[in-house]
N, C-alpha and C. Protein backbone atom coordinates (compact mmCIF):
# COMPACT_ATOMS: atom_id res chain seq x y z
N MET A 1 83.79 15.08 97.35
CA MET A 1 82.39 14.52 97.19
C MET A 1 82.12 13.03 97.43
N ALA A 2 81.99 12.62 98.37
CA ALA A 2 81.68 10.62 98.20
C ALA A 2 80.99 10.18 97.03
N ARG A 3 81.33 9.29 96.65
CA ARG A 3 80.54 8.60 95.64
C ARG A 3 79.67 7.79 96.44
N THR A 4 78.82 7.40 95.22
CA THR A 4 77.76 6.40 95.37
C THR A 4 78.41 4.71 95.37
N PRO A 5 78.24 4.31 96.15
CA PRO A 5 78.69 2.84 96.49
C PRO A 5 77.64 1.91 95.19
N ARG A 6 78.76 1.65 94.34
CA ARG A 6 77.98 0.86 92.76
C ARG A 6 77.27 -0.58 93.38
N ASN A 7 76.44 -0.67 93.03
CA ASN A 7 75.93 -1.82 93.38
C ASN A 7 76.29 -3.22 92.63
N THR A 8 77.03 -3.62 93.13
CA THR A 8 77.59 -5.16 92.31
C THR A 8 76.34 -6.05 92.57
N GLU A 9 75.55 -6.02 93.21
CA GLU A 9 74.83 -7.29 93.42
C GLU A 9 74.30 -7.38 91.92
N GLN A 10 73.80 -8.59 91.43
CA GLN A 10 72.79 -8.58 90.25
C GLN A 10 71.57 -9.03 90.33
N PRO A 11 71.10 -8.59 89.44
CA PRO A 11 69.30 -8.87 89.72
C PRO A 11 68.69 -10.17 89.84
N ALA A 12 67.99 -10.99 90.54
CA ALA A 12 67.60 -11.94 90.33
C ALA A 12 67.19 -12.34 89.11
N ALA A 13 67.57 -14.06 88.70
CA ALA A 13 66.72 -14.29 87.82
C ALA A 13 65.50 -14.61 87.99
N GLU A 14 64.64 -14.06 86.74
CA GLU A 14 63.25 -14.29 86.85
C GLU A 14 62.86 -15.64 86.57
N THR A 15 62.07 -16.19 87.54
CA THR A 15 61.17 -17.51 87.47
C THR A 15 60.26 -17.38 86.60
N PRO A 16 60.74 -18.96 86.40
CA PRO A 16 59.17 -19.41 85.56
C PRO A 16 58.03 -18.66 85.93
N LEU A 17 57.56 -18.31 87.27
CA LEU A 17 56.32 -18.10 87.10
C LEU A 17 56.42 -16.25 86.81
N GLU A 18 57.30 -15.94 87.14
CA GLU A 18 57.43 -14.51 86.78
C GLU A 18 57.28 -14.56 85.04
N LEU A 19 57.82 -15.23 84.33
CA LEU A 19 57.92 -15.18 83.28
C LEU A 19 56.54 -16.04 82.32
N ASP A 20 55.84 -16.77 82.50
CA ASP A 20 54.54 -17.03 82.55
C ASP A 20 53.73 -16.55 83.34
N PRO A 21 52.39 -15.56 83.20
CA PRO A 21 51.47 -15.72 84.08
C PRO A 21 50.43 -16.39 84.09
N LYS A 22 50.33 -17.34 83.55
CA LYS A 22 49.54 -18.43 83.26
C LYS A 22 49.97 -19.23 84.63
N LEU A 23 51.01 -19.43 85.18
CA LEU A 23 51.58 -20.52 86.20
C LEU A 23 51.03 -20.38 87.21
N ASP A 24 50.47 -21.31 87.73
CA ASP A 24 49.68 -21.36 89.17
C ASP A 24 50.87 -21.19 89.75
N SER A 25 51.01 -19.93 90.94
CA SER A 25 52.33 -19.56 91.67
C SER A 25 52.26 -21.12 92.93
N LYS A 26 50.84 -21.33 93.14
CA LYS A 26 51.05 -22.40 94.30
C LYS A 26 51.16 -23.81 94.12
N LYS A 27 50.71 -24.35 92.74
CA LYS A 27 51.01 -25.51 92.18
C LYS A 27 51.93 -25.48 91.47
N GLY A 28 52.79 -24.79 90.90
CA GLY A 28 53.62 -24.48 90.31
C GLY A 28 53.37 -24.81 88.58
N LYS A 29 52.06 -24.90 87.98
CA LYS A 29 52.08 -25.45 86.92
C LYS A 29 50.42 -25.01 86.26
N ALA A 30 50.59 -24.57 85.01
CA ALA A 30 49.59 -24.08 84.41
C ALA A 30 48.14 -24.07 85.15
N THR A 31 47.51 -23.37 85.15
CA THR A 31 45.92 -23.58 85.69
C THR A 31 44.89 -23.86 84.41
N PRO A 32 44.73 -25.17 84.80
CA PRO A 32 44.03 -25.56 83.36
C PRO A 32 42.99 -24.17 83.37
N THR A 33 42.26 -24.55 82.05
CA THR A 33 41.51 -23.22 81.35
C THR A 33 40.29 -23.80 81.53
N ARG A 34 38.91 -23.53 81.56
CA ARG A 34 37.78 -23.84 81.51
C ARG A 34 37.30 -24.77 80.64
N ALA A 35 37.72 -24.38 79.47
CA ALA A 35 37.77 -25.70 78.67
C ALA A 35 37.71 -27.05 78.78
N GLN A 36 39.63 -26.93 79.35
CA GLN A 36 40.28 -28.60 79.65
C GLN A 36 39.06 -28.70 81.06
N ARG A 37 39.05 -28.47 81.90
CA ARG A 37 38.16 -28.82 82.89
C ARG A 37 36.58 -29.60 82.17
N GLU A 38 36.13 -28.66 82.04
CA GLU A 38 34.69 -29.43 81.01
C GLU A 38 35.16 -30.52 80.18
N ALA A 39 36.10 -30.41 79.91
CA ALA A 39 36.49 -31.58 78.51
C ALA A 39 36.79 -32.89 79.92
N GLU A 40 37.87 -32.83 81.05
CA GLU A 40 38.03 -33.74 82.06
C GLU A 40 36.41 -34.31 82.67
N ARG A 41 35.71 -33.51 82.99
CA ARG A 41 33.73 -34.15 83.74
C ARG A 41 33.19 -34.78 82.38
N LEU A 42 33.96 -34.69 81.02
CA LEU A 42 32.59 -35.22 80.09
C LEU A 42 33.10 -37.11 80.46
N ARG A 43 31.83 -37.63 79.79
CA ARG A 43 32.27 -38.81 80.48
C ARG A 43 31.38 -39.50 79.04
N PRO A 44 31.99 -40.56 78.04
CA PRO A 44 31.06 -41.12 77.40
C PRO A 44 29.39 -41.99 77.69
N LEU A 45 28.49 -41.49 76.85
CA LEU A 45 27.27 -42.58 77.64
C LEU A 45 27.35 -43.67 77.28
N VAL A 46 28.49 -44.23 76.24
CA VAL A 46 28.44 -45.59 76.14
C VAL A 46 29.76 -46.08 76.61
N PRO A 47 30.21 -47.01 77.55
CA PRO A 47 31.11 -47.18 77.65
C PRO A 47 32.21 -47.48 76.72
N ASN A 48 33.32 -46.96 76.63
CA ASN A 48 34.48 -48.09 75.68
C ASN A 48 34.29 -49.25 75.47
N ASP A 49 34.37 -49.73 76.66
CA ASP A 49 34.65 -51.71 76.91
C ASP A 49 33.56 -52.22 77.27
N ARG A 50 32.83 -52.13 75.95
CA ARG A 50 31.64 -53.12 76.27
C ARG A 50 31.21 -54.29 76.55
N LYS A 51 32.57 -55.42 76.29
CA LYS A 51 32.44 -56.15 76.71
C LYS A 51 32.71 -56.91 78.54
N GLU A 52 33.24 -55.71 79.24
CA GLU A 52 33.26 -55.32 80.20
C GLU A 52 32.16 -54.43 81.21
N ALA A 53 31.44 -53.89 80.50
CA ALA A 53 30.46 -53.43 80.76
C ALA A 53 29.40 -54.08 81.28
N ALA A 54 29.10 -55.37 79.61
CA ALA A 54 28.08 -56.18 79.75
C ALA A 54 28.38 -57.29 81.44
N ARG A 55 29.89 -57.46 81.31
CA ARG A 55 30.09 -58.50 82.43
C ARG A 55 29.36 -57.97 84.23
N ALA A 56 30.05 -56.65 84.14
CA ALA A 56 29.35 -55.77 85.39
C ALA A 56 28.00 -55.82 85.43
N ASN A 57 27.68 -56.16 84.34
CA ASN A 57 26.00 -55.86 84.41
C ASN A 57 25.41 -57.46 84.94
N ARG A 58 25.78 -58.43 84.45
CA ARG A 58 25.62 -59.55 84.85
C ARG A 58 26.23 -60.19 86.02
N ASP A 59 27.03 -60.00 86.46
CA ASP A 59 27.79 -60.02 87.93
C ASP A 59 26.74 -59.05 88.47
N LYS A 60 26.24 -57.96 88.19
CA LYS A 60 24.99 -57.33 89.20
C LYS A 60 23.53 -58.13 89.40
N GLN A 61 23.43 -58.21 87.98
CA GLN A 61 22.23 -59.56 88.19
C GLN A 61 22.18 -60.72 88.41
N ALA A 62 23.41 -61.25 89.06
CA ALA A 62 23.08 -62.34 89.49
C ALA A 62 23.04 -62.34 90.79
N ALA A 63 24.01 -61.32 91.18
CA ALA A 63 23.65 -61.19 93.01
C ALA A 63 22.31 -60.69 93.43
N GLU A 64 21.67 -59.90 92.59
CA GLU A 64 20.59 -59.98 92.75
C GLU A 64 19.33 -60.35 93.13
N ARG A 65 19.56 -61.59 92.20
CA ARG A 65 18.59 -62.58 92.02
C ARG A 65 19.11 -64.19 93.11
N GLU A 66 20.64 -63.77 93.80
CA GLU A 66 21.08 -64.54 94.45
C GLU A 66 20.33 -64.00 95.97
N LYS A 67 20.15 -62.60 95.88
CA LYS A 67 19.84 -62.04 97.16
C LYS A 67 18.26 -62.65 97.29
N ALA A 68 17.81 -62.66 95.99
CA ALA A 68 16.34 -63.33 96.05
C ALA A 68 15.74 -64.11 96.39
N ARG A 69 16.74 -65.04 95.76
CA ARG A 69 16.32 -66.42 96.35
C ARG A 69 16.67 -66.55 97.87
N VAL A 70 17.81 -66.05 98.52
CA VAL A 70 17.95 -66.54 99.66
C VAL A 70 16.64 -65.92 101.03
N GLY A 71 16.43 -64.10 100.07
CA GLY A 71 15.12 -63.72 100.71
C GLY A 71 14.15 -64.59 100.56
N LEU A 72 13.53 -65.32 99.25
CA LEU A 72 12.53 -66.13 99.19
C LEU A 72 12.60 -67.58 100.09
N ALA A 73 14.02 -68.15 100.44
CA ALA A 73 13.92 -69.36 100.85
C ALA A 73 13.68 -68.98 102.18
N ALA A 74 14.51 -67.92 103.16
CA ALA A 74 14.42 -67.64 104.40
C ALA A 74 12.67 -66.78 104.56
N GLY A 75 11.81 -66.50 104.18
CA GLY A 75 10.43 -66.46 104.33
C GLY A 75 10.55 -64.71 104.36
N ASP A 76 11.48 -63.76 103.23
CA ASP A 76 11.37 -62.63 103.66
C ASP A 76 10.28 -61.73 102.76
N GLU A 77 9.23 -60.58 103.44
CA GLU A 77 8.12 -60.30 103.01
C GLU A 77 8.33 -59.54 101.70
N ARG A 78 9.92 -59.02 101.65
CA ARG A 78 10.23 -58.74 100.73
C ARG A 78 10.27 -58.88 99.06
N TYR A 79 10.50 -60.10 99.45
CA TYR A 79 10.62 -60.87 98.59
C TYR A 79 10.03 -62.59 97.35
N LEU A 80 8.70 -61.99 99.18
CA LEU A 80 8.12 -63.32 98.80
C LEU A 80 6.93 -62.84 97.43
N PRO A 81 6.28 -63.68 96.67
CA PRO A 81 5.12 -63.45 95.99
C PRO A 81 3.85 -62.98 96.63
N VAL A 82 3.20 -61.92 95.66
CA VAL A 82 2.00 -61.59 96.46
C VAL A 82 0.92 -62.62 97.38
N ARG A 83 0.86 -63.60 96.51
CA ARG A 83 0.18 -64.75 96.87
C ARG A 83 0.76 -65.07 98.26
N GLU A 84 2.00 -65.35 98.34
CA GLU A 84 2.63 -65.44 100.20
C GLU A 84 2.84 -65.12 100.81
N ARG A 85 2.27 -63.24 100.88
CA ARG A 85 2.75 -62.79 101.93
C ARG A 85 1.34 -62.53 102.59
N GLY A 86 1.91 -62.07 103.94
CA GLY A 86 0.30 -61.65 104.96
C GLY A 86 1.04 -62.39 106.09
N PRO A 87 0.34 -62.09 107.17
CA PRO A 87 0.86 -63.07 108.55
C PRO A 87 -0.43 -64.18 108.70
N GLN A 88 -1.28 -64.34 107.80
CA GLN A 88 -1.95 -65.36 107.92
C GLN A 88 -1.15 -66.46 106.82
N LYS A 89 -0.55 -66.49 105.78
CA LYS A 89 0.19 -67.34 105.17
C LYS A 89 0.96 -67.36 105.58
N LYS A 90 1.72 -66.77 106.72
CA LYS A 90 2.78 -67.84 107.15
C LYS A 90 1.94 -68.17 107.68
N TYR A 91 1.33 -67.97 108.87
CA TYR A 91 0.76 -68.84 109.97
C TYR A 91 0.28 -70.21 109.44
N ILE A 92 0.01 -70.06 108.34
CA ILE A 92 -0.74 -71.47 107.54
C ILE A 92 1.02 -71.94 107.57
N ARG A 93 1.78 -72.03 106.76
CA ARG A 93 3.17 -72.62 105.82
C ARG A 93 3.24 -72.70 107.68
N ASP A 94 3.89 -72.11 108.87
CA ASP A 94 3.89 -72.92 110.37
C ASP A 94 3.19 -73.83 110.56
N TYR A 95 1.89 -74.21 110.28
CA TYR A 95 1.02 -74.97 111.05
C TYR A 95 1.14 -76.10 109.99
N VAL A 96 1.26 -75.75 109.18
CA VAL A 96 1.51 -77.26 107.87
C VAL A 96 2.87 -77.82 108.17
N ASP A 97 4.18 -76.59 108.45
CA ASP A 97 5.50 -77.36 108.54
C ASP A 97 5.29 -77.76 109.66
N SER A 98 4.51 -77.65 110.82
CA SER A 98 4.76 -78.30 112.04
C SER A 98 4.23 -79.66 112.21
N ARG A 99 4.07 -80.02 111.18
CA ARG A 99 2.94 -81.34 111.48
C ARG A 99 3.91 -82.59 110.29
N PHE A 100 3.58 -83.73 110.45
CA PHE A 100 3.98 -84.53 109.62
C PHE A 100 2.26 -84.82 108.88
N SER A 101 2.40 -84.79 107.32
CA SER A 101 1.65 -84.78 106.64
C SER A 101 1.85 -86.25 105.88
N ILE A 102 1.08 -87.34 105.48
CA ILE A 102 1.06 -88.10 104.77
C ILE A 102 1.16 -87.76 103.25
N GLY A 103 0.61 -86.61 102.87
CA GLY A 103 0.78 -86.36 101.21
C GLY A 103 2.78 -85.98 100.80
N GLU A 104 3.42 -86.14 101.88
CA GLU A 104 4.62 -86.05 102.00
C GLU A 104 5.46 -87.32 101.46
N LEU A 105 4.81 -87.95 101.30
CA LEU A 105 5.51 -89.71 101.61
C LEU A 105 4.73 -89.96 99.52
N VAL A 106 3.34 -89.11 99.06
CA VAL A 106 3.19 -89.38 97.49
C VAL A 106 4.19 -89.62 96.71
N LEU A 107 4.86 -88.06 96.34
CA LEU A 107 6.41 -88.28 95.89
C LEU A 107 7.10 -89.22 95.94
N PRO A 108 7.90 -89.55 95.90
CA PRO A 108 9.00 -90.54 96.80
C PRO A 108 8.22 -91.80 96.44
N LEU A 109 6.97 -92.19 97.24
CA LEU A 109 6.34 -93.57 96.49
C LEU A 109 6.04 -93.79 95.24
N MET A 110 5.60 -92.59 94.58
CA MET A 110 5.43 -92.41 92.98
C MET A 110 6.80 -93.15 92.30
N PHE A 111 7.72 -92.32 93.08
CA PHE A 111 8.89 -92.48 92.18
C PHE A 111 9.79 -94.01 92.36
N LEU A 112 8.94 -94.43 93.65
CA LEU A 112 9.26 -95.94 94.13
C LEU A 112 8.67 -96.97 93.41
N VAL A 113 7.50 -96.83 92.94
CA VAL A 113 6.61 -97.34 92.09
C VAL A 113 6.73 -97.26 90.58
N ILE A 114 7.46 -96.63 89.79
CA ILE A 114 7.70 -96.67 88.64
C ILE A 114 9.13 -97.84 88.65
N ILE A 115 9.99 -97.85 89.50
CA ILE A 115 11.06 -98.27 89.57
C ILE A 115 10.09 -99.62 90.46
N VAL A 116 9.43 -100.00 90.57
CA VAL A 116 8.99 -101.34 91.00
C VAL A 116 8.31 -101.99 89.44
N SER A 117 7.44 -101.03 88.94
CA SER A 117 7.00 -101.98 87.74
C SER A 117 8.12 -101.89 86.76
N PHE A 118 9.07 -102.04 86.81
CA PHE A 118 10.16 -102.35 85.44
C PHE A 118 11.07 -103.58 85.90
N LEU A 119 10.55 -104.17 87.86
CA LEU A 119 11.08 -105.51 88.01
C LEU A 119 10.67 -106.71 87.58
N PRO A 120 9.45 -106.81 87.19
CA PRO A 120 9.44 -108.25 86.84
C PRO A 120 9.76 -108.26 85.38
N GLN A 121 10.37 -107.25 84.47
CA GLN A 121 10.93 -107.73 83.27
C GLN A 121 12.59 -108.18 83.37
N PHE A 122 13.15 -108.30 84.52
CA PHE A 122 14.73 -107.90 85.22
C PHE A 122 14.57 -109.48 85.55
N ILE A 123 13.58 -109.56 86.47
CA ILE A 123 13.60 -110.67 87.46
C ILE A 123 12.37 -111.81 86.95
N PRO A 124 12.61 -112.62 86.70
CA PRO A 124 11.34 -113.66 86.20
C PRO A 124 10.64 -113.94 87.42
N ALA A 125 10.94 -114.08 89.08
CA ALA A 125 10.81 -114.65 90.10
C ALA A 125 9.22 -113.53 90.55
N ILE A 126 9.22 -112.33 89.85
CA ILE A 126 8.66 -111.18 90.25
C ILE A 126 7.81 -111.44 89.48
N PRO A 127 5.96 -111.86 90.01
CA PRO A 127 4.90 -111.93 89.29
C PRO A 127 4.03 -110.82 88.44
N GLN A 128 4.07 -110.96 87.32
CA GLN A 128 3.64 -109.54 86.61
C GLN A 128 2.57 -108.77 87.36
N GLU A 129 2.01 -109.55 87.95
CA GLU A 129 0.99 -108.37 89.61
C GLU A 129 1.50 -107.34 89.92
N PHE A 130 2.77 -107.81 90.32
CA PHE A 130 3.40 -107.04 91.28
C PHE A 130 3.25 -105.48 91.07
N SER A 131 3.25 -105.50 89.76
CA SER A 131 3.36 -103.62 89.14
C SER A 131 2.35 -103.54 89.08
N ALA A 132 0.81 -104.14 89.32
CA ALA A 132 -0.58 -103.57 89.70
C ALA A 132 -0.60 -103.08 90.99
N TRP A 133 -0.17 -104.36 92.15
CA TRP A 133 -0.56 -104.17 93.11
C TRP A 133 0.06 -102.96 93.74
N SER A 134 1.50 -102.64 93.22
CA SER A 134 2.18 -101.55 93.96
C SER A 134 1.16 -99.85 93.14
N LEU A 135 0.57 -100.26 92.14
CA LEU A 135 -0.48 -99.18 91.97
C LEU A 135 -1.10 -98.33 92.70
N TYR A 136 -2.16 -100.19 92.69
CA TYR A 136 -3.25 -100.17 94.02
C TYR A 136 -2.71 -99.27 95.00
N ALA A 137 -1.90 -99.57 95.59
CA ALA A 137 -1.24 -99.34 96.73
C ALA A 137 -0.89 -97.58 96.64
N VAL A 138 -0.23 -97.21 95.31
CA VAL A 138 -0.21 -95.73 95.61
C VAL A 138 -1.14 -95.12 95.40
N TRP A 139 -2.25 -95.39 94.78
CA TRP A 139 -3.73 -94.66 95.14
C TRP A 139 -4.60 -94.87 96.12
N GLY A 140 -4.20 -96.15 96.86
CA GLY A 140 -4.72 -95.68 98.23
C GLY A 140 -3.92 -94.74 99.41
N PHE A 141 -2.94 -94.90 99.11
CA PHE A 141 -2.03 -93.85 100.15
C PHE A 141 -2.42 -92.37 99.52
N LEU A 142 -2.77 -92.25 98.13
CA LEU A 142 -3.25 -90.91 97.52
C LEU A 142 -4.27 -90.58 98.39
N VAL A 143 -5.36 -91.73 98.48
CA VAL A 143 -6.56 -91.48 99.33
C VAL A 143 -6.51 -91.03 100.51
N LEU A 144 -5.70 -91.91 101.23
CA LEU A 144 -5.21 -91.54 102.77
C LEU A 144 -4.89 -90.39 102.91
N ALA A 145 -3.77 -89.94 101.97
CA ALA A 145 -3.27 -88.39 102.05
C ALA A 145 -4.29 -86.94 101.72
N ILE A 146 -5.18 -87.21 101.01
CA ILE A 146 -6.04 -86.43 100.68
C ILE A 146 -7.29 -86.11 102.21
N ILE A 147 -7.57 -87.29 102.79
CA ILE A 147 -8.17 -87.41 103.69
C ILE A 147 -7.57 -86.59 105.17
N ASP A 148 -6.11 -86.88 104.92
CA ASP A 148 -5.05 -85.89 106.09
C ASP A 148 -5.58 -84.52 105.65
N CYS A 149 -4.94 -84.34 104.47
CA CYS A 149 -5.57 -83.04 104.31
C CYS A 149 -6.77 -82.06 104.58
N VAL A 150 -7.57 -83.19 104.50
CA VAL A 150 -9.48 -82.31 104.67
C VAL A 150 -8.94 -82.25 106.57
N ILE A 151 -8.51 -83.05 107.22
CA ILE A 151 -8.87 -82.74 108.35
C ILE A 151 -7.81 -81.68 109.05
N MET A 152 -6.60 -81.40 108.53
CA MET A 152 -5.77 -80.47 108.75
C MET A 152 -6.27 -79.05 108.26
N THR A 153 -7.05 -79.26 107.16
CA THR A 153 -7.99 -77.79 106.56
C THR A 153 -8.80 -77.46 108.06
N GLN A 154 -9.88 -78.31 108.44
CA GLN A 154 -10.40 -77.78 109.84
C GLN A 154 -9.62 -77.29 110.97
N LEU A 155 -8.78 -78.27 110.80
CA LEU A 155 -8.51 -78.06 112.49
C LEU A 155 -7.78 -76.30 112.06
N LEU A 156 -7.22 -76.41 110.84
CA LEU A 156 -6.59 -74.97 110.54
C LEU A 156 -7.89 -73.87 110.11
N LYS A 157 -8.25 -73.82 109.93
CA LYS A 157 -9.38 -72.96 109.90
C LYS A 157 -10.12 -72.49 111.52
N ARG A 158 -10.11 -73.78 112.35
CA ARG A 158 -10.44 -72.94 113.68
C ARG A 158 -9.35 -72.66 114.08
N ARG A 159 -8.37 -72.81 113.80
CA ARG A 159 -7.35 -71.64 114.34
C ARG A 159 -7.09 -70.78 114.23
N LEU A 160 -7.36 -70.47 112.84
CA LEU A 160 -6.96 -68.91 112.02
C LEU A 160 -8.65 -68.21 112.22
N ARG A 161 -9.60 -68.48 112.55
CA ARG A 161 -10.85 -67.60 112.92
C ARG A 161 -10.45 -67.38 114.90
N GLU A 162 -9.60 -68.07 115.75
CA GLU A 162 -9.48 -67.84 117.17
C GLU A 162 -8.49 -66.76 117.04
N ARG A 163 -7.67 -66.76 116.07
CA ARG A 163 -5.81 -65.88 116.07
C ARG A 163 -6.49 -64.53 115.28
N PHE A 164 -6.92 -64.57 114.03
CA PHE A 164 -7.40 -63.40 113.14
C PHE A 164 -8.74 -63.45 113.24
N GLY A 165 -9.61 -63.99 114.12
CA GLY A 165 -11.32 -63.49 113.67
C GLY A 165 -11.73 -63.66 112.17
N ASP A 166 -12.67 -63.25 112.22
CA ASP A 166 -13.89 -64.53 111.04
C ASP A 166 -12.99 -63.79 109.49
N LYS A 167 -12.62 -62.94 109.27
CA LYS A 167 -11.69 -62.85 108.50
C LYS A 167 -10.54 -63.66 108.10
N THR A 168 -10.98 -64.64 107.60
CA THR A 168 -9.90 -65.16 107.27
C THR A 168 -9.76 -65.77 105.63
N GLU A 169 -8.59 -65.98 105.25
CA GLU A 169 -8.67 -66.37 103.69
C GLU A 169 -8.85 -67.68 103.75
N ARG A 170 -8.98 -67.73 102.04
CA ARG A 170 -9.37 -69.24 101.81
C ARG A 170 -8.07 -70.28 101.97
N VAL A 171 -8.49 -71.19 102.75
CA VAL A 171 -6.86 -71.63 103.09
C VAL A 171 -6.80 -73.23 102.75
N GLY A 172 -7.92 -73.55 102.27
CA GLY A 172 -7.79 -75.95 101.79
C GLY A 172 -6.77 -75.74 100.91
N LEU A 173 -6.83 -75.17 99.91
CA LEU A 173 -6.08 -75.51 98.56
C LEU A 173 -4.27 -74.72 99.13
N TYR A 174 -4.79 -73.56 99.47
CA TYR A 174 -2.95 -73.46 99.40
C TYR A 174 -2.49 -74.35 100.93
N ALA A 175 -2.91 -74.96 101.51
CA ALA A 175 -2.42 -75.11 102.98
C ALA A 175 -2.06 -76.84 102.10
N SER A 176 -3.21 -77.41 101.40
CA SER A 176 -3.51 -78.97 101.03
C SER A 176 -1.84 -78.69 99.89
N ILE A 177 -1.47 -78.43 98.72
CA ILE A 177 -0.58 -78.03 98.36
C ILE A 177 0.52 -78.06 98.76
N ARG A 178 0.79 -77.20 99.67
CA ARG A 178 2.20 -77.16 100.61
C ARG A 178 2.72 -78.30 101.46
N ALA A 179 0.99 -79.01 101.52
CA ALA A 179 1.31 -80.36 102.71
C ALA A 179 2.12 -81.67 102.07
N LEU A 180 0.96 -81.48 100.75
CA LEU A 180 1.70 -82.80 99.62
C LEU A 180 3.12 -82.70 98.90
N GLN A 181 3.51 -81.17 99.01
CA GLN A 181 4.70 -81.53 98.79
C GLN A 181 6.02 -81.87 99.49
N PHE A 182 7.05 -82.19 99.32
CA PHE A 182 8.32 -82.76 99.91
C PHE A 182 8.84 -81.67 100.32
N ARG A 183 9.09 -82.17 102.28
CA ARG A 183 9.48 -80.96 103.26
C ARG A 183 10.40 -80.19 102.21
N MET A 184 11.54 -81.14 101.92
CA MET A 184 12.90 -80.39 101.35
C MET A 184 12.54 -79.39 100.06
N LEU A 185 11.17 -79.49 99.49
CA LEU A 185 11.22 -78.69 98.40
C LEU A 185 10.01 -77.98 98.49
N ARG A 186 10.12 -77.67 99.84
CA ARG A 186 8.96 -76.41 100.00
C ARG A 186 9.65 -74.99 99.86
N MET A 187 8.73 -73.90 99.46
CA MET A 187 9.32 -72.83 99.40
C MET A 187 8.02 -71.85 99.73
N PRO A 188 8.35 -70.68 100.66
CA PRO A 188 9.62 -70.53 101.45
C PRO A 188 10.11 -71.97 102.13
N LYS A 189 11.62 -72.07 102.62
CA LYS A 189 11.62 -73.43 103.26
C LYS A 189 11.27 -73.39 105.05
N PRO A 190 11.13 -74.49 105.14
CA PRO A 190 9.98 -74.16 106.69
C PRO A 190 11.01 -73.64 107.71
N GLN A 191 10.38 -73.16 108.38
CA GLN A 191 10.92 -71.83 109.32
C GLN A 191 10.74 -72.90 110.80
N VAL A 192 10.37 -74.19 110.50
CA VAL A 192 9.64 -74.59 112.20
C VAL A 192 9.74 -76.09 112.35
N LYS A 193 10.51 -76.71 113.12
CA LYS A 193 10.56 -78.41 112.71
C LYS A 193 9.23 -79.35 113.48
N ILE A 194 9.30 -80.47 113.21
CA ILE A 194 7.52 -80.84 113.18
C ILE A 194 7.77 -81.06 114.31
N GLY A 195 6.36 -81.08 115.31
CA GLY A 195 6.16 -80.89 116.43
C GLY A 195 6.12 -79.95 116.89
N GLN A 196 6.65 -78.61 116.52
CA GLN A 196 7.09 -77.69 117.32
C GLN A 196 5.60 -76.74 117.40
N ALA A 197 5.39 -75.76 118.83
CA ALA A 197 4.20 -75.54 119.13
C ALA A 197 4.14 -73.99 118.38
N ILE A 198 2.70 -73.94 117.08
CA ILE A 198 2.96 -72.46 116.93
C ILE A 198 2.14 -71.45 117.61
N ASP A 199 2.79 -70.31 118.16
CA ASP A 199 1.94 -69.83 118.40
C ASP A 199 0.48 -68.60 118.14
């Protein structure tokens, strides 16, 4: 009677995956439990590094302020105050900026008068009345600036009625204040050059 050949092959060693049923056969590591996954998703409501969070918040606010400043200077409606918005206000700004106003020189002239008023104290050859004369010159210049603003306002009102009809805003004070400001200090910044035609 033939004997059944003895199986000489050793049984394959049990792999770690077979020893531990919790191990993931695809990843080769233990599958995380539900509690572990929930713990990984949890984030503290208050950041651990408060200094870093405060610095990031300051940087964000500074970036937003800079963006608003650039938008305001460029005349972007999204960043303008309510009193500066609307097509009529933009037209008024462009009209004022397209002409030379005598009022632009009032502020520099006042600084010049302040400096000149101290000259007689240091230069004896300059008479004391020189300070009074310079002050009278400023007052006369201011009167001319006011007259210029009145003429400008009347011309501007006529243009606004032609362009926007009878429903026009009160523009006298708004236009005059801008005309009396030094051109480089106006906000929003002038978008037209002096002498440029306004459509």
